[in-house]
């Protein structure tokens, strides 16, 4: 099992969740750090502390960076990457709300190249849907589904190009999963060609405010 873990709750609000995540760090693909819809305006001591503990426990750390589907200024994006590196020793970045169209691919390619020049060892793209095939070649991991469990069960479709991708390059993030069905969500992601997943029980507006139950117990 390889889990991508976005935990978008402040450590002071739910220290227990962060403690459990630190203890299970070796079972994760990476942990996404998101202090303030990005790194924030200044270092957050609570996130600095958990980042240090996660790194010591063996976790890969990714800084959350919003691209606003290609609308956000590139200098702002790269500045977020630098801040995550300087303040939280991030190994790479989780680029959220990435474009998925062929037309947006060249700009995304340039952005990823610039981020790698800044020293990002791991780049994760999150269009949240299956993008044009070229996106998957840009990143270490591409999130090709982000949505509710009901949609994942009833309306998921998989384009042919995903079958030619190594499973460890694809990820499905599923929220609203009934706790008893979290192991099934992990199994389903693997069956659908995504070796990395992130099933959570939470619901919008912030389904990622609780730790995935997949990190606790056998079979999850």
N, C-alpha and C. Protein backbone atom coordinates (compact mmCIF):
# COMPACT_ATOMS: atom_id res chain seq x y z
N UNK A 1 0.84 -1.19 0.00
CA UNK A 1 0.00 0.00 0.00
C UNK A 1 0.88 1.24 0.00
N UNK A 2 0.52 2.21 -0.86
CA UNK A 2 1.25 3.46 -0.93
C UNK A 2 0.22 4.59 -0.90
N UNK A 3 0.28 5.40 0.15
CA UNK A 3 -0.74 6.41 0.39
C UNK A 3 -0.20 7.82 0.23
N UNK A 4 -0.90 8.63 -0.55
CA UNK A 4 -0.64 10.06 -0.59
C UNK A 4 -1.56 10.68 0.45
N UNK A 5 -0.99 11.43 1.38
CA UNK A 5 -1.76 11.91 2.53
C UNK A 5 -1.80 13.44 2.56
N UNK A 6 -2.88 14.04 2.05
CA UNK A 6 -3.12 15.45 2.33
C UNK A 6 -3.87 15.54 3.66
N UNK A 7 -3.28 16.19 4.65
CA UNK A 7 -3.93 16.36 5.95
C UNK A 7 -4.05 17.86 6.20
N UNK A 8 -5.20 18.40 5.80
CA UNK A 8 -5.37 19.85 5.80
C UNK A 8 -6.08 20.32 7.07
N UNK A 9 -5.43 20.07 8.20
CA UNK A 9 -5.89 20.55 9.49
C UNK A 9 -4.65 20.99 10.26
N UNK A 10 -4.79 22.07 11.02
CA UNK A 10 -3.64 22.59 11.75
C UNK A 10 -3.24 21.62 12.85
N UNK A 11 -1.94 21.40 13.06
CA UNK A 11 -1.50 20.48 14.12
C UNK A 11 -2.03 20.83 15.50
N UNK A 12 -2.27 22.11 15.76
CA UNK A 12 -2.80 22.50 17.06
C UNK A 12 -4.26 22.11 17.22
N UNK A 13 -4.97 21.96 16.10
CA UNK A 13 -6.38 21.61 16.16
C UNK A 13 -6.59 20.10 16.30
N UNK A 14 -5.70 19.32 15.72
CA UNK A 14 -5.82 17.87 15.82
C UNK A 14 -4.43 17.24 15.93
N UNK A 15 -3.78 17.44 17.07
CA UNK A 15 -2.42 16.90 17.24
C UNK A 15 -2.39 15.38 17.16
N UNK A 16 -3.49 14.73 17.57
CA UNK A 16 -3.53 13.27 17.53
C UNK A 16 -3.40 12.72 16.13
N UNK A 17 -4.07 13.37 15.18
CA UNK A 17 -3.99 12.91 13.79
C UNK A 17 -2.57 13.02 13.26
N UNK A 18 -1.91 14.13 13.57
CA UNK A 18 -0.53 14.30 13.12
C UNK A 18 0.40 13.30 13.81
N UNK A 19 0.15 13.01 15.07
CA UNK A 19 0.97 12.03 15.78
C UNK A 19 0.83 10.65 15.14
N UNK A 20 -0.41 10.27 14.81
CA UNK A 20 -0.62 8.96 14.16
C UNK A 20 0.04 8.93 12.78
N UNK A 21 0.00 10.06 12.07
CA UNK A 21 0.63 10.12 10.76
C UNK A 21 2.14 9.95 10.88
N UNK A 22 2.73 10.61 11.85
CA UNK A 22 4.18 10.47 12.06
C UNK A 22 4.54 9.02 12.36
N UNK A 23 3.73 8.36 13.17
CA UNK A 23 4.00 6.96 13.51
C UNK A 23 3.86 6.03 12.32
N UNK A 24 3.05 6.44 11.33
CA UNK A 24 2.82 5.59 10.15
C UNK A 24 3.54 6.13 8.92
N UNK A 25 4.52 6.98 9.11
CA UNK A 25 5.15 7.69 7.99
C UNK A 25 5.71 6.76 6.93
N UNK A 26 6.24 5.63 7.32
CA UNK A 26 6.87 4.73 6.35
C UNK A 26 5.85 4.04 5.45
N UNK A 27 4.56 4.17 5.76
CA UNK A 27 3.53 3.56 4.92
C UNK A 27 2.97 4.55 3.90
N UNK A 28 3.55 5.74 3.84
CA UNK A 28 3.04 6.76 2.92
C UNK A 28 3.93 6.90 1.70
N UNK A 29 3.31 7.32 0.60
CA UNK A 29 4.08 7.75 -0.57
C UNK A 29 4.66 9.13 -0.28
N UNK A 30 3.80 9.99 0.28
CA UNK A 30 4.23 11.35 0.65
C UNK A 30 3.14 11.97 1.51
N UNK A 31 3.53 13.01 2.23
CA UNK A 31 2.60 13.81 3.02
C UNK A 31 2.58 15.22 2.44
N UNK A 32 1.39 15.73 2.18
CA UNK A 32 1.24 17.08 1.64
C UNK A 32 1.07 18.06 2.81
N UNK A 33 1.97 19.03 2.89
CA UNK A 33 1.90 20.06 3.92
C UNK A 33 1.18 21.29 3.35
N UNK A 34 0.17 21.76 4.07
CA UNK A 34 -0.64 22.87 3.56
C UNK A 34 -1.01 23.80 4.70
N UNK A 35 -0.07 24.62 5.17
CA UNK A 35 -0.34 25.49 6.32
C UNK A 35 -1.42 26.54 6.07
N UNK A 36 -1.48 27.10 4.85
CA UNK A 36 -2.40 28.21 4.60
C UNK A 36 -2.76 28.29 3.12
N UNK A 37 -3.35 27.20 2.58
CA UNK A 37 -3.58 27.10 1.14
C UNK A 37 -2.28 27.40 0.39
N UNK A 38 -1.21 26.87 0.92
CA UNK A 38 0.15 27.13 0.47
C UNK A 38 1.03 27.26 1.70
N UNK A 39 2.23 27.80 1.57
CA UNK A 39 3.13 27.88 2.71
C UNK A 39 2.78 28.97 3.70
N UNK A 40 1.94 29.94 3.28
CA UNK A 40 1.62 31.06 4.16
C UNK A 40 2.59 32.20 3.98
N UNK A 41 2.38 33.26 4.75
CA UNK A 41 3.21 34.46 4.65
C UNK A 41 4.46 34.40 5.50
N UNK A 42 4.47 33.47 6.46
CA UNK A 42 5.62 33.31 7.36
C UNK A 42 5.63 31.87 7.87
N UNK A 43 6.77 31.38 8.32
CA UNK A 43 6.83 30.01 8.83
C UNK A 43 5.87 29.82 10.00
N UNK A 44 5.18 28.68 10.00
CA UNK A 44 4.28 28.32 11.09
C UNK A 44 5.02 27.34 11.99
N UNK A 45 5.32 27.71 13.23
CA UNK A 45 6.12 26.82 14.10
C UNK A 45 5.52 25.44 14.28
N UNK A 46 4.19 25.33 14.29
CA UNK A 46 3.56 24.02 14.45
C UNK A 46 3.84 23.13 13.25
N UNK A 47 3.79 23.71 12.06
CA UNK A 47 4.09 22.92 10.86
C UNK A 47 5.59 22.64 10.75
N UNK A 48 6.41 23.58 11.18
CA UNK A 48 7.84 23.32 11.20
C UNK A 48 8.16 22.11 12.07
N UNK A 49 7.47 22.01 13.21
CA UNK A 49 7.70 20.90 14.13
C UNK A 49 7.25 19.58 13.54
N UNK A 50 6.03 19.53 12.97
CA UNK A 50 5.56 18.25 12.43
C UNK A 50 6.35 17.87 11.18
N UNK A 51 6.79 18.86 10.41
CA UNK A 51 7.60 18.56 9.23
C UNK A 51 8.92 17.91 9.65
N UNK A 52 9.52 18.45 10.71
CA UNK A 52 10.76 17.87 11.21
C UNK A 52 10.54 16.43 11.69
N UNK A 53 9.46 16.21 12.41
CA UNK A 53 9.17 14.87 12.93
C UNK A 53 8.84 13.89 11.80
N UNK A 54 8.10 14.34 10.82
CA UNK A 54 7.77 13.47 9.68
C UNK A 54 9.03 13.09 8.91
N UNK A 55 9.89 14.07 8.68
CA UNK A 55 11.13 13.77 7.96
C UNK A 55 11.97 12.77 8.75
N UNK A 56 12.08 12.96 10.05
CA UNK A 56 12.86 12.04 10.88
C UNK A 56 12.26 10.63 10.87
N UNK A 57 10.94 10.56 10.68
CA UNK A 57 10.26 9.25 10.64
C UNK A 57 10.32 8.59 9.27
N UNK A 58 10.87 9.31 8.28
CA UNK A 58 11.05 8.71 6.96
C UNK A 58 10.06 9.14 5.91
N UNK A 59 9.25 10.16 6.19
CA UNK A 59 8.25 10.59 5.21
C UNK A 59 8.85 11.52 4.17
N UNK A 60 8.30 11.45 2.98
CA UNK A 60 8.59 12.43 1.93
C UNK A 60 7.60 13.57 2.10
N UNK A 61 8.07 14.80 2.03
CA UNK A 61 7.23 15.97 2.27
C UNK A 61 7.02 16.75 0.98
N UNK A 62 5.76 17.06 0.71
CA UNK A 62 5.40 17.84 -0.47
C UNK A 62 4.68 19.11 -0.03
N UNK A 63 5.10 20.24 -0.54
CA UNK A 63 4.44 21.49 -0.23
C UNK A 63 3.26 21.74 -1.16
N UNK A 64 2.12 22.09 -0.57
CA UNK A 64 0.93 22.38 -1.36
C UNK A 64 1.10 23.71 -2.09
N UNK A 65 0.84 23.69 -3.41
CA UNK A 65 0.93 24.90 -4.24
C UNK A 65 -0.26 24.91 -5.19
N UNK A 66 -1.04 25.97 -5.14
CA UNK A 66 -2.21 26.12 -6.02
C UNK A 66 -1.78 26.77 -7.33
N UNK A 67 -2.16 26.17 -8.45
CA UNK A 67 -1.86 26.77 -9.76
C UNK A 67 -3.07 27.47 -10.37
N UNK A 68 -4.27 27.25 -9.78
CA UNK A 68 -5.51 27.87 -10.26
C UNK A 68 -5.72 27.62 -11.75
N UNK A 69 -5.51 26.37 -12.15
CA UNK A 69 -5.76 25.94 -13.53
C UNK A 69 -5.03 26.81 -14.55
N UNK A 70 -3.80 27.17 -14.23
CA UNK A 70 -2.98 27.92 -15.17
C UNK A 70 -3.15 29.41 -15.11
N UNK A 71 -4.04 29.92 -14.27
CA UNK A 71 -4.30 31.35 -14.20
C UNK A 71 -3.32 32.06 -13.27
N UNK A 72 -2.89 31.38 -12.23
CA UNK A 72 -2.04 32.02 -11.22
C UNK A 72 -0.67 32.36 -11.80
N UNK A 73 -0.13 33.50 -11.37
CA UNK A 73 1.16 33.96 -11.85
C UNK A 73 2.27 32.96 -11.50
N UNK A 74 3.12 32.69 -12.46
CA UNK A 74 4.17 31.68 -12.26
C UNK A 74 5.15 32.09 -11.16
N UNK A 75 5.43 33.38 -11.05
CA UNK A 75 6.34 33.83 -10.00
C UNK A 75 5.78 33.54 -8.61
N UNK A 76 4.47 33.68 -8.46
CA UNK A 76 3.84 33.36 -7.18
C UNK A 76 3.95 31.87 -6.88
N UNK A 77 3.79 31.06 -7.90
CA UNK A 77 3.89 29.61 -7.73
C UNK A 77 5.30 29.22 -7.31
N UNK A 78 6.30 29.74 -8.01
CA UNK A 78 7.68 29.37 -7.68
C UNK A 78 8.09 29.91 -6.31
N UNK A 79 7.54 31.07 -5.94
CA UNK A 79 7.83 31.60 -4.61
C UNK A 79 7.25 30.67 -3.53
N UNK A 80 6.08 30.13 -3.77
CA UNK A 80 5.51 29.15 -2.82
C UNK A 80 6.41 27.93 -2.70
N UNK A 81 6.94 27.47 -3.82
CA UNK A 81 7.84 26.33 -3.79
C UNK A 81 9.07 26.64 -2.94
N UNK A 82 9.65 27.81 -3.15
CA UNK A 82 10.84 28.21 -2.38
C UNK A 82 10.53 28.28 -0.88
N UNK A 83 9.39 28.84 -0.54
CA UNK A 83 9.03 28.95 0.87
C UNK A 83 8.84 27.57 1.51
N UNK A 84 8.19 26.69 0.83
CA UNK A 84 8.03 25.32 1.36
C UNK A 84 9.40 24.67 1.60
N UNK A 85 10.31 24.90 0.69
CA UNK A 85 11.65 24.32 0.83
C UNK A 85 12.39 24.95 2.01
N UNK A 86 12.33 26.27 2.10
CA UNK A 86 13.10 26.97 3.12
C UNK A 86 12.52 26.78 4.51
N UNK A 87 11.20 26.77 4.63
CA UNK A 87 10.56 26.76 5.94
C UNK A 87 10.25 25.36 6.46
N UNK A 88 9.92 24.44 5.52
CA UNK A 88 9.46 23.11 5.94
C UNK A 88 10.29 21.97 5.35
N UNK A 89 11.42 22.32 4.74
CA UNK A 89 12.32 21.33 4.12
C UNK A 89 11.57 20.36 3.22
N UNK A 90 10.65 20.91 2.41
CA UNK A 90 9.87 20.06 1.50
C UNK A 90 10.77 19.43 0.46
N UNK A 91 10.51 18.16 0.17
CA UNK A 91 11.26 17.43 -0.85
C UNK A 91 10.77 17.77 -2.25
N UNK A 92 9.53 18.23 -2.33
CA UNK A 92 8.94 18.51 -3.62
C UNK A 92 7.65 19.28 -3.43
N UNK A 93 6.77 19.20 -4.42
CA UNK A 93 5.54 19.98 -4.33
C UNK A 93 4.35 19.21 -4.89
N UNK A 94 3.20 19.56 -4.37
CA UNK A 94 1.92 19.04 -4.82
C UNK A 94 1.22 20.19 -5.52
N UNK A 95 1.23 20.16 -6.85
CA UNK A 95 0.64 21.23 -7.64
C UNK A 95 -0.84 20.94 -7.81
N UNK A 96 -1.67 21.73 -7.15
CA UNK A 96 -3.10 21.50 -7.16
C UNK A 96 -3.78 22.33 -8.24
N UNK A 97 -4.96 21.85 -8.64
CA UNK A 97 -5.78 22.54 -9.65
C UNK A 97 -4.95 22.82 -10.91
N UNK A 98 -4.36 21.75 -11.42
CA UNK A 98 -3.56 21.82 -12.64
C UNK A 98 -4.48 21.68 -13.85
N UNK A 99 -4.14 22.36 -14.92
CA UNK A 99 -4.90 22.21 -16.16
C UNK A 99 -4.83 20.77 -16.65
N UNK A 100 -5.81 20.38 -17.45
CA UNK A 100 -5.86 19.01 -17.96
C UNK A 100 -5.92 18.95 -19.48
N UNK A 101 -5.99 20.11 -20.14
CA UNK A 101 -6.19 20.15 -21.58
C UNK A 101 -4.87 20.08 -22.34
N UNK A 102 -4.96 19.69 -23.59
CA UNK A 102 -3.77 19.70 -24.45
C UNK A 102 -3.21 21.10 -24.59
N UNK A 103 -4.10 22.08 -24.65
CA UNK A 103 -3.67 23.46 -24.83
C UNK A 103 -2.85 23.95 -23.64
N UNK A 104 -3.14 23.46 -22.45
CA UNK A 104 -2.43 23.89 -21.27
C UNK A 104 -1.13 23.14 -21.01
N UNK A 105 -0.88 22.11 -21.80
CA UNK A 105 0.29 21.25 -21.56
C UNK A 105 1.63 21.97 -21.70
N UNK A 106 1.86 22.78 -22.73
CA UNK A 106 3.17 23.45 -22.85
C UNK A 106 3.49 24.33 -21.65
N UNK A 107 2.51 25.10 -21.16
CA UNK A 107 2.77 25.96 -20.00
C UNK A 107 3.05 25.14 -18.76
N UNK A 108 2.34 24.03 -18.59
CA UNK A 108 2.59 23.17 -17.45
C UNK A 108 3.98 22.54 -17.52
N UNK A 109 4.40 22.19 -18.73
CA UNK A 109 5.73 21.62 -18.92
C UNK A 109 6.80 22.63 -18.51
N UNK A 110 6.63 23.88 -18.92
CA UNK A 110 7.61 24.91 -18.54
C UNK A 110 7.63 25.13 -17.03
N UNK A 111 6.45 25.10 -16.43
CA UNK A 111 6.38 25.29 -14.98
C UNK A 111 7.09 24.16 -14.24
N UNK A 112 6.85 22.93 -14.64
CA UNK A 112 7.47 21.79 -13.97
C UNK A 112 8.99 21.85 -14.13
N UNK A 113 9.46 22.21 -15.31
CA UNK A 113 10.91 22.32 -15.53
C UNK A 113 11.52 23.37 -14.59
N UNK A 114 10.82 24.50 -14.44
CA UNK A 114 11.34 25.55 -13.56
C UNK A 114 11.35 25.09 -12.11
N UNK A 115 10.31 24.39 -11.70
CA UNK A 115 10.25 23.90 -10.32
C UNK A 115 11.35 22.87 -10.06
N UNK A 116 11.61 22.04 -11.02
CA UNK A 116 12.70 21.06 -10.84
C UNK A 116 14.05 21.77 -10.75
N UNK A 117 14.21 22.85 -11.49
CA UNK A 117 15.47 23.60 -11.39
C UNK A 117 15.63 24.22 -10.00
N UNK A 118 14.54 24.46 -9.33
CA UNK A 118 14.60 24.99 -7.97
C UNK A 118 14.98 23.92 -6.95
N UNK A 119 15.01 22.66 -7.40
CA UNK A 119 15.43 21.59 -6.51
C UNK A 119 14.33 20.67 -6.05
N UNK A 120 13.14 20.79 -6.61
CA UNK A 120 12.04 19.89 -6.23
C UNK A 120 12.32 18.50 -6.77
N UNK A 121 12.55 17.55 -5.86
CA UNK A 121 12.88 16.19 -6.29
C UNK A 121 11.64 15.42 -6.73
N UNK A 122 10.49 15.74 -6.14
CA UNK A 122 9.25 15.05 -6.45
C UNK A 122 8.19 16.08 -6.82
N UNK A 123 7.59 15.91 -7.98
CA UNK A 123 6.51 16.80 -8.42
C UNK A 123 5.26 15.97 -8.65
N UNK A 124 4.19 16.34 -7.96
CA UNK A 124 2.89 15.69 -8.12
C UNK A 124 1.94 16.69 -8.76
N UNK A 125 1.29 16.27 -9.82
CA UNK A 125 0.28 17.09 -10.49
C UNK A 125 -1.10 16.61 -10.09
N UNK A 126 -1.99 17.56 -9.78
CA UNK A 126 -3.36 17.18 -9.45
C UNK A 126 -4.35 17.93 -10.33
N UNK A 127 -4.62 17.39 -11.54
CA UNK A 127 -5.74 17.92 -12.30
C UNK A 127 -7.08 17.40 -11.76
N UNK A 128 -7.03 16.29 -11.02
CA UNK A 128 -8.23 15.72 -10.42
C UNK A 128 -9.08 14.91 -11.38
N UNK A 129 -8.68 14.91 -12.64
CA UNK A 129 -9.35 14.13 -13.69
C UNK A 129 -8.25 13.54 -14.57
N UNK A 130 -8.64 12.68 -15.49
CA UNK A 130 -7.65 12.18 -16.44
C UNK A 130 -7.30 13.30 -17.41
N UNK A 131 -6.06 13.77 -17.39
CA UNK A 131 -5.66 14.85 -18.29
C UNK A 131 -5.25 14.31 -19.65
N UNK A 132 -4.91 15.21 -20.55
CA UNK A 132 -4.28 14.79 -21.79
C UNK A 132 -3.04 13.96 -21.45
N UNK A 133 -2.73 12.93 -22.22
CA UNK A 133 -1.69 11.97 -21.83
C UNK A 133 -0.33 12.57 -21.50
N UNK A 134 0.05 13.67 -22.11
CA UNK A 134 1.37 14.23 -21.90
C UNK A 134 1.65 14.68 -20.48
N UNK A 135 0.62 14.99 -19.73
CA UNK A 135 0.84 15.47 -18.36
C UNK A 135 1.54 14.42 -17.50
N UNK A 136 1.16 13.18 -17.67
CA UNK A 136 1.72 12.12 -16.83
C UNK A 136 3.22 11.96 -17.04
N UNK A 137 3.71 12.39 -18.20
CA UNK A 137 5.15 12.28 -18.46
C UNK A 137 5.93 13.40 -17.78
N UNK A 138 5.25 14.44 -17.33
CA UNK A 138 5.94 15.57 -16.70
C UNK A 138 6.26 15.32 -15.24
N UNK A 139 5.42 14.53 -14.58
CA UNK A 139 5.45 14.45 -13.13
C UNK A 139 5.89 13.09 -12.64
N UNK A 140 6.26 13.05 -11.36
CA UNK A 140 6.54 11.76 -10.72
C UNK A 140 5.24 11.03 -10.41
N UNK A 141 4.17 11.80 -10.17
CA UNK A 141 2.88 11.23 -9.85
C UNK A 141 1.81 12.18 -10.35
N UNK A 142 0.74 11.62 -10.93
CA UNK A 142 -0.38 12.42 -11.41
C UNK A 142 -1.67 11.90 -10.79
N UNK A 143 -2.41 12.81 -10.18
CA UNK A 143 -3.71 12.46 -9.60
C UNK A 143 -4.75 12.52 -10.71
N UNK A 144 -5.23 11.36 -11.13
CA UNK A 144 -6.17 11.30 -12.25
C UNK A 144 -7.62 11.18 -11.81
N UNK A 145 -7.82 11.10 -10.49
CA UNK A 145 -9.18 11.18 -9.95
C UNK A 145 -9.12 11.83 -8.59
N UNK A 146 -9.94 12.88 -8.40
CA UNK A 146 -10.21 13.41 -7.08
C UNK A 146 -11.71 13.66 -7.01
N UNK A 147 -12.39 12.94 -6.15
CA UNK A 147 -13.83 13.10 -6.07
C UNK A 147 -14.44 12.20 -5.03
N UNK A 148 -15.77 12.20 -5.01
CA UNK A 148 -16.53 11.47 -4.01
C UNK A 148 -16.57 9.98 -4.32
N UNK A 149 -16.65 9.20 -3.27
CA UNK A 149 -16.73 7.74 -3.39
C UNK A 149 -17.87 7.31 -4.30
N UNK A 150 -19.02 7.96 -4.19
CA UNK A 150 -20.17 7.58 -5.02
C UNK A 150 -19.86 7.75 -6.50
N UNK A 151 -19.15 8.82 -6.84
CA UNK A 151 -18.74 9.02 -8.23
C UNK A 151 -17.70 7.99 -8.64
N UNK A 152 -16.79 7.72 -7.75
CA UNK A 152 -15.72 6.74 -8.05
C UNK A 152 -16.30 5.37 -8.33
N UNK A 153 -17.33 5.00 -7.60
CA UNK A 153 -17.94 3.68 -7.76
C UNK A 153 -18.79 3.62 -9.02
N UNK A 154 -19.53 4.69 -9.32
CA UNK A 154 -20.57 4.60 -10.35
C UNK A 154 -20.19 5.22 -11.68
N UNK A 155 -19.28 6.18 -11.67
CA UNK A 155 -19.07 6.94 -12.90
C UNK A 155 -17.61 7.02 -13.33
N UNK A 156 -16.74 6.19 -12.77
CA UNK A 156 -15.33 6.24 -13.12
C UNK A 156 -15.12 5.59 -14.48
N UNK A 157 -14.36 6.25 -15.33
CA UNK A 157 -13.95 5.65 -16.60
C UNK A 157 -12.46 5.90 -16.79
N UNK A 158 -11.83 5.00 -17.45
CA UNK A 158 -10.37 5.01 -17.54
C UNK A 158 -9.93 5.02 -19.00
N UNK A 159 -9.30 6.11 -19.46
CA UNK A 159 -8.84 6.14 -20.85
C UNK A 159 -7.73 5.14 -21.09
N UNK A 160 -7.60 4.74 -22.34
CA UNK A 160 -6.66 3.67 -22.69
C UNK A 160 -5.22 4.02 -22.34
N UNK A 161 -4.85 5.30 -22.42
CA UNK A 161 -3.44 5.65 -22.22
C UNK A 161 -2.97 5.33 -20.80
N UNK A 162 -3.88 5.30 -19.83
CA UNK A 162 -3.46 5.01 -18.45
C UNK A 162 -2.94 3.59 -18.31
N UNK A 163 -3.41 2.70 -19.17
CA UNK A 163 -2.93 1.32 -19.12
C UNK A 163 -1.49 1.17 -19.52
N UNK A 164 -0.94 2.18 -20.16
CA UNK A 164 0.47 2.15 -20.57
C UNK A 164 1.37 2.85 -19.57
N UNK A 165 0.79 3.35 -18.49
CA UNK A 165 1.56 4.04 -17.46
C UNK A 165 1.91 3.09 -16.32
N UNK A 166 3.10 3.21 -15.75
CA UNK A 166 3.39 2.43 -14.54
C UNK A 166 2.41 2.82 -13.44
N UNK A 167 1.81 1.86 -12.75
CA UNK A 167 0.83 2.18 -11.71
C UNK A 167 1.35 3.12 -10.63
N UNK A 168 2.66 3.07 -10.37
CA UNK A 168 3.17 3.95 -9.31
C UNK A 168 3.34 5.39 -9.76
N UNK A 169 2.88 5.70 -10.98
CA UNK A 169 2.88 7.08 -11.46
C UNK A 169 1.49 7.69 -11.41
N UNK A 170 0.48 6.91 -10.99
CA UNK A 170 -0.90 7.39 -10.97
C UNK A 170 -1.48 7.28 -9.57
N UNK A 171 -2.37 8.23 -9.24
CA UNK A 171 -2.96 8.30 -7.90
C UNK A 171 -4.44 8.64 -8.00
N UNK A 172 -5.24 8.04 -7.11
CA UNK A 172 -6.65 8.39 -6.98
C UNK A 172 -6.91 8.89 -5.57
N UNK A 173 -7.46 10.09 -5.45
CA UNK A 173 -7.83 10.66 -4.16
C UNK A 173 -9.36 10.62 -4.05
N UNK A 174 -9.86 9.85 -3.10
CA UNK A 174 -11.29 9.62 -2.98
C UNK A 174 -11.76 10.04 -1.60
N UNK A 175 -12.77 10.87 -1.54
CA UNK A 175 -13.31 11.29 -0.24
C UNK A 175 -14.74 10.77 -0.08
N UNK A 176 -15.26 10.92 1.13
CA UNK A 176 -16.61 10.43 1.40
C UNK A 176 -16.71 8.92 1.40
N UNK A 177 -15.60 8.23 1.69
CA UNK A 177 -15.60 6.76 1.70
C UNK A 177 -16.13 6.29 3.06
N UNK A 178 -17.17 5.46 3.11
CA UNK A 178 -17.57 4.88 4.40
C UNK A 178 -16.39 4.15 5.02
N UNK A 179 -16.19 4.34 6.31
CA UNK A 179 -14.99 3.82 6.95
C UNK A 179 -14.80 2.33 6.71
N UNK A 180 -15.88 1.57 6.73
CA UNK A 180 -15.78 0.12 6.53
C UNK A 180 -15.32 -0.23 5.12
N UNK A 181 -15.47 0.71 4.19
CA UNK A 181 -15.13 0.43 2.79
C UNK A 181 -13.78 1.01 2.38
N UNK A 182 -13.04 1.57 3.32
CA UNK A 182 -11.72 2.13 2.99
C UNK A 182 -10.79 1.07 2.40
N UNK A 183 -10.71 -0.14 2.97
CA UNK A 183 -9.86 -1.16 2.33
C UNK A 183 -10.30 -1.46 0.89
N UNK A 184 -11.62 -1.44 0.64
CA UNK A 184 -12.12 -1.65 -0.72
C UNK A 184 -11.68 -0.52 -1.63
N UNK A 185 -11.66 0.70 -1.13
CA UNK A 185 -11.23 1.84 -1.94
C UNK A 185 -9.77 1.69 -2.35
N UNK A 186 -8.94 1.23 -1.42
CA UNK A 186 -7.53 0.99 -1.74
C UNK A 186 -7.42 -0.09 -2.81
N UNK A 187 -8.15 -1.17 -2.64
CA UNK A 187 -8.11 -2.29 -3.60
C UNK A 187 -8.61 -1.83 -4.97
N UNK A 188 -9.67 -1.03 -4.99
CA UNK A 188 -10.24 -0.56 -6.25
C UNK A 188 -9.25 0.32 -7.00
N UNK A 189 -8.56 1.19 -6.28
CA UNK A 189 -7.55 2.03 -6.93
C UNK A 189 -6.49 1.18 -7.61
N UNK A 190 -6.04 0.16 -6.91
CA UNK A 190 -5.02 -0.72 -7.49
C UNK A 190 -5.56 -1.45 -8.71
N UNK A 191 -6.80 -1.90 -8.65
CA UNK A 191 -7.40 -2.57 -9.80
C UNK A 191 -7.52 -1.64 -11.00
N UNK A 192 -7.68 -0.37 -10.73
CA UNK A 192 -7.85 0.61 -11.80
C UNK A 192 -6.54 1.26 -12.22
N UNK A 193 -5.45 0.67 -11.82
CA UNK A 193 -4.14 1.08 -12.33
C UNK A 193 -3.44 2.16 -11.56
N UNK A 194 -3.92 2.49 -10.35
CA UNK A 194 -3.28 3.52 -9.54
C UNK A 194 -2.68 2.87 -8.30
N UNK A 195 -1.36 2.78 -8.25
CA UNK A 195 -0.71 2.15 -7.10
C UNK A 195 -0.67 3.06 -5.89
N UNK A 196 -0.93 4.36 -6.10
CA UNK A 196 -0.96 5.32 -5.01
C UNK A 196 -2.40 5.81 -4.86
N UNK A 197 -2.85 5.95 -3.62
CA UNK A 197 -4.22 6.41 -3.41
C UNK A 197 -4.31 7.17 -2.09
N UNK A 198 -5.49 7.76 -1.86
CA UNK A 198 -5.69 8.52 -0.63
C UNK A 198 -7.15 8.54 -0.25
N UNK A 199 -7.71 7.41 0.23
CA UNK A 199 -9.12 7.38 0.61
C UNK A 199 -9.34 8.00 1.99
N UNK A 200 -10.33 8.89 2.08
CA UNK A 200 -10.67 9.51 3.36
C UNK A 200 -12.18 9.45 3.55
N UNK A 201 -12.60 9.57 4.79
CA UNK A 201 -14.03 9.51 5.11
C UNK A 201 -14.68 10.88 5.08
N UNK A 202 -13.88 11.94 5.05
CA UNK A 202 -14.40 13.30 5.14
C UNK A 202 -15.24 13.71 3.94
N UNK A 203 -16.01 14.78 4.15
CA UNK A 203 -16.88 15.35 3.12
C UNK A 203 -16.49 16.81 2.91
N UNK A 204 -16.90 17.40 1.77
CA UNK A 204 -16.66 18.82 1.55
C UNK A 204 -17.31 19.66 2.65
N UNK A 205 -16.79 20.86 2.93
CA UNK A 205 -15.85 21.62 2.10
C UNK A 205 -14.38 21.24 2.27
N UNK A 206 -14.02 20.52 3.32
CA UNK A 206 -12.63 20.11 3.50
C UNK A 206 -12.58 18.63 3.86
N UNK A 207 -12.70 17.77 2.86
CA UNK A 207 -12.69 16.33 3.17
C UNK A 207 -11.34 15.84 3.68
N UNK A 208 -10.30 16.67 3.52
CA UNK A 208 -8.95 16.24 3.90
C UNK A 208 -8.56 16.70 5.30
N UNK A 209 -9.56 17.07 6.11
CA UNK A 209 -9.29 17.56 7.47
C UNK A 209 -9.06 16.42 8.46
N UNK A 210 -9.28 15.17 8.04
CA UNK A 210 -9.07 14.03 8.93
C UNK A 210 -8.10 13.05 8.27
N UNK A 211 -7.39 12.36 9.10
CA UNK A 211 -6.40 11.38 8.61
C UNK A 211 -7.11 10.18 7.99
N UNK A 212 -6.56 9.67 6.91
CA UNK A 212 -7.15 8.48 6.29
C UNK A 212 -7.13 7.29 7.22
N UNK A 213 -8.25 6.57 7.37
CA UNK A 213 -8.26 5.34 8.17
C UNK A 213 -7.39 4.24 7.59
N UNK A 214 -6.96 4.40 6.33
CA UNK A 214 -6.13 3.37 5.70
C UNK A 214 -4.78 3.21 6.38
N UNK A 215 -4.38 4.18 7.18
CA UNK A 215 -3.11 4.08 7.90
C UNK A 215 -3.22 3.30 9.20
N UNK A 216 -4.43 2.93 9.58
CA UNK A 216 -4.61 2.24 10.85
C UNK A 216 -5.23 0.87 10.61
N UNK A 217 -4.68 -0.14 11.27
CA UNK A 217 -5.30 -1.46 11.24
C UNK A 217 -4.85 -2.30 10.06
N UNK A 218 -5.00 -3.56 10.19
CA UNK A 218 -4.64 -4.51 9.15
C UNK A 218 -5.63 -4.42 8.01
N UNK A 219 -5.10 -4.56 6.81
CA UNK A 219 -5.94 -4.59 5.64
C UNK A 219 -6.33 -3.22 5.14
N UNK A 220 -6.11 -2.15 5.93
CA UNK A 220 -6.46 -0.81 5.48
C UNK A 220 -5.30 -0.14 4.89
